[in-house]
Amino acid sequence: NLAKKVKPGERLYIFDGKIRTTVLSVENESIKVKVENSGVLMSRKGINLPDTDFSGDILTEKDLKDIEYGARQDIDFVALSFVQTAEDIKHLKRLLKQHNSQARIVAKIETKAAIEKKNLEAIVECVDGGVMIARGDLAVEAGAEVVPIVQRQILGLCQKYGKLSIVATQMMASMVDAPEPTRA
């Protein structure tokens, strides 16, 4: 329930940040926002909350059911979205262990909290399956200008700790409007 997490003044972005809003008020389960720019709102688009602290509460009920199902199927990897701290990874490790799963965790780095100096190295050190740099959401959450810098830091940390690294999302986004990708 997002209404329990967001606070007035926090930013709420929709559809990869194409629609930017600010939370005005929260009442019960309703969130009132001010839309900052025009855009077309479509169904099944993601929401980014760059200012919201989820305090270790990043797994939804559906996620928990999917983890249980995956454990029964003897999956090899679980990608953990919107990791903020190493504690998020430790929590998932405990859940997997409860289900007798040997699945390894890939931490998706896509939040402002995750790239804070105190968190980033601890996340890379703690994860056992690898690190995915989710460039698209990271750009929305932290700003496009920091993505190349953070990407380099993460790759260096992965090399330091001998972890698998994956650079993903938004790599071919320029091809939506052009026949070839940019050099970026």
Protein backbone atom coordinates (compact mmCIF):
# COMPACT_ATOMS: atom_id res chain seq x y z
CA ASN A 1 0.00 0.00 0.00
CA LEU A 2 1.85 3.06 -1.27
CA ALA A 3 -0.31 5.37 0.83
CA LYS A 4 1.43 4.02 3.93
CA LYS A 5 4.87 4.86 2.50
CA VAL A 6 4.67 8.16 0.60
CA LYS A 7 4.63 11.59 2.22
CA PRO A 8 3.53 15.01 0.95
CA GLY A 9 6.30 16.69 -1.03
CA GLU A 10 7.77 13.44 -2.35
CA ARG A 11 8.08 12.88 -6.09
CA LEU A 12 6.08 10.15 -7.82
CA TYR A 13 7.03 9.41 -11.43
CA ILE A 14 4.98 7.36 -13.87
CA PHE A 15 5.97 5.60 -17.13
CA ASP A 16 9.78 5.85 -16.89
CA GLY A 17 9.52 9.41 -15.57
CA LYS A 18 7.58 10.67 -18.58
CA ILE A 19 4.83 11.86 -16.23
CA ARG A 20 6.18 13.63 -13.15
CA THR A 21 4.04 14.32 -10.11
CA THR A 22 4.46 15.54 -6.55
CA VAL A 23 2.48 14.12 -3.64
CA LEU A 24 0.16 16.77 -2.18
CA SER A 25 -1.63 14.72 0.46
CA VAL A 26 -2.28 11.19 1.66
CA GLU A 27 -5.60 10.10 3.18
CA ASN A 28 -6.33 6.47 4.08
CA GLU A 29 -5.45 4.59 0.86
CA SER A 30 -5.64 7.62 -1.46
CA ILE A 31 -2.70 9.66 -2.69
CA LYS A 32 -3.40 13.11 -4.17
CA VAL A 33 -0.70 14.33 -6.55
CA LYS A 34 0.01 17.44 -8.59
CA VAL A 35 0.96 16.60 -12.17
CA GLU A 36 4.03 18.63 -13.18
CA ASN A 37 3.98 17.99 -16.94
CA SER A 38 1.67 16.78 -19.67
CA GLY A 39 1.75 13.26 -21.04
CA VAL A 40 -0.35 10.28 -21.98
CA LEU A 41 -1.09 7.95 -19.10
CA MET A 42 -1.30 4.32 -20.23
CA SER A 43 -2.10 1.14 -18.38
CA ARG A 44 0.50 -1.20 -16.90
CA LYS A 45 3.27 1.41 -16.63
CA GLY A 46 5.68 1.53 -13.74
CA ILE A 47 5.89 4.01 -10.91
CA ASN A 48 9.11 5.41 -9.47
CA LEU A 49 9.29 6.94 -6.00
CA PRO A 50 12.81 8.42 -5.76
CA ASP A 51 12.22 10.12 -2.39
CA THR A 52 10.34 7.32 -0.62
CA ASP A 53 12.03 5.16 2.00
CA PHE A 54 10.74 1.59 1.84
CA SER A 55 12.81 0.51 4.87
CA GLY A 56 13.33 -3.10 3.87
CA ASP A 57 9.74 -3.52 2.71
CA ILE A 58 10.35 -3.97 -1.03
CA LEU A 59 8.70 -7.36 -1.57
CA THR A 60 4.99 -7.45 -2.40
CA GLU A 61 2.56 -10.28 -1.62
CA LYS A 62 2.87 -11.34 -5.27
CA ASP A 63 6.67 -11.35 -4.96
CA LEU A 64 6.45 -13.61 -1.91
CA LYS A 65 4.18 -16.04 -3.76
CA ASP A 66 6.49 -15.97 -6.80
CA ILE A 67 9.52 -16.70 -4.59
CA GLU A 68 7.74 -19.66 -3.01
CA TYR A 69 6.70 -20.96 -6.44
CA GLY A 70 10.20 -20.45 -7.85
CA ALA A 71 11.74 -22.30 -4.93
CA ARG A 72 9.48 -25.28 -5.62
CA GLN A 73 10.64 -25.19 -9.27
CA ASP A 74 14.30 -25.23 -8.18
CA ILE A 75 15.17 -21.92 -9.87
CA ASP A 76 18.81 -20.89 -10.16
CA PHE A 77 18.52 -17.09 -9.81
CA VAL A 78 16.17 -14.44 -8.43
CA ALA A 79 16.52 -10.82 -9.58
CA LEU A 80 15.64 -8.52 -6.67
CA SER A 81 14.22 -5.23 -7.94
CA PHE A 82 14.57 -1.86 -6.24
CA VAL A 83 17.23 -2.97 -3.75
CA GLN A 84 18.03 -0.17 -1.32
CA THR A 85 20.39 -1.80 1.18
CA ALA A 86 22.26 -5.06 1.79
CA GLU A 87 19.54 -5.87 4.34
CA ASP A 88 17.09 -6.30 1.42
CA ILE A 89 19.34 -9.04 0.04
CA LYS A 90 19.77 -10.67 3.45
CA HIS A 91 15.98 -10.73 3.86
CA LEU A 92 15.53 -12.49 0.51
CA LYS A 93 18.33 -14.95 1.38
CA ARG A 94 16.40 -15.86 4.56
CA LEU A 95 13.19 -16.36 2.57
CA LEU A 96 14.93 -18.58 0.04
CA LYS A 97 16.52 -20.61 2.83
CA GLN A 98 13.08 -21.08 4.47
CA HIS A 99 11.92 -22.63 1.19
CA ASN A 100 15.07 -24.80 0.93
CA SER A 101 16.18 -22.94 -2.19
CA GLN A 102 19.77 -22.62 -3.36
CA ALA A 103 18.82 -19.82 -5.79
CA ARG A 104 21.34 -17.03 -6.09
CA ILE A 105 20.30 -13.38 -5.95
CA VAL A 106 20.96 -10.76 -8.61
CA ALA A 107 20.59 -7.29 -7.06
CA LYS A 108 19.02 -4.78 -9.43
CA ILE A 109 20.57 -1.39 -8.75
CA GLU A 110 17.92 1.15 -9.68
CA THR A 111 17.31 3.38 -6.65
CA LYS A 112 18.89 6.49 -5.20
CA ALA A 113 19.28 4.74 -1.85
CA ALA A 114 21.22 1.83 -3.40
CA ILE A 115 23.87 4.08 -4.92
CA GLU A 116 24.61 5.94 -1.69
CA LYS A 117 28.20 5.25 -0.69
CA LYS A 118 27.21 3.55 2.58
CA ASN A 119 24.92 1.11 0.73
CA LEU A 120 26.47 0.37 -2.66
CA GLU A 121 29.59 -1.50 -1.61
CA ALA A 122 27.68 -3.47 1.05
CA ILE A 123 25.12 -4.54 -1.57
CA VAL A 124 27.80 -5.73 -4.01
CA GLU A 125 29.70 -7.53 -1.26
CA CYS A 126 26.54 -9.26 0.09
CA VAL A 127 24.96 -10.45 -3.16
CA ASP A 128 25.81 -13.95 -4.36
CA GLY A 129 24.39 -14.04 -7.89
CA GLY A 130 25.55 -10.73 -9.29
CA VAL A 131 24.55 -7.13 -9.83
CA MET A 132 22.34 -5.72 -12.57
CA ILE A 133 22.67 -2.02 -13.34
CA ALA A 134 19.11 -1.10 -14.34
CA ARG A 135 19.98 2.04 -16.25
CA GLY A 136 16.42 3.09 -17.09
CA ASP A 137 14.97 3.18 -13.58
CA LEU A 138 18.26 4.41 -12.14
CA ALA A 139 18.16 7.40 -14.51
CA VAL A 140 14.60 8.20 -13.42
CA GLU A 141 15.37 7.77 -9.72
CA ALA A 142 18.78 9.45 -9.51
CA GLY A 143 19.12 11.49 -12.72
CA ALA A 144 20.46 10.49 -16.13
CA GLU A 145 23.68 12.41 -15.53
CA VAL A 146 24.79 10.08 -12.72
CA VAL A 147 24.19 6.81 -14.57
CA PRO A 148 27.59 6.59 -16.38
CA ILE A 149 29.47 7.50 -13.18
CA VAL A 150 27.56 5.02 -11.02
CA GLN A 151 27.80 2.35 -13.71
CA ARG A 152 31.58 2.62 -13.65
CA GLN A 153 31.62 2.48 -9.81
CA ILE A 154 29.42 -0.62 -9.76
CA LEU A 155 31.50 -2.39 -12.40
CA GLY A 156 34.63 -1.62 -10.36
CA LEU A 157 33.05 -2.99 -7.19
CA CYS A 158 31.90 -6.12 -9.03
CA GLN A 159 35.45 -6.64 -10.23
CA LYS A 160 36.82 -6.03 -6.71
CA TYR A 161 34.49 -8.64 -5.16
CA GLY A 162 34.48 -11.07 -8.10
CA LYS A 163 30.76 -10.62 -8.79
CA LEU A 164 28.85 -11.08 -12.04
CA SER A 165 27.79 -7.73 -13.52
CA ILE A 166 24.97 -7.04 -15.95
CA VAL A 167 24.38 -3.68 -17.64
CA ALA A 168 20.74 -3.58 -18.67
CA THR A 169 17.71 -1.56 -19.73
CA GLN A 170 17.49 1.45 -21.99
CA MET A 171 20.42 0.20 -24.07
CA MET A 172 18.41 0.21 -27.30
CA ALA A 173 15.78 2.85 -26.41
CA SER A 174 17.01 5.14 -29.20
CA MET A 175 15.78 2.55 -31.73
CA VAL A 176 12.15 3.39 -30.93
CA ASP A 177 12.51 6.35 -33.29
CA ALA A 178 15.56 5.38 -35.36
CA PRO A 179 16.68 2.30 -37.30
CA GLU A 180 20.04 2.05 -35.50
CA PRO A 181 21.10 2.48 -31.86
CA THR A 182 23.19 5.45 -30.78
CA ARG A 183 26.80 4.92 -29.73
CA ALA A 184 25.66 5.33 -26.12
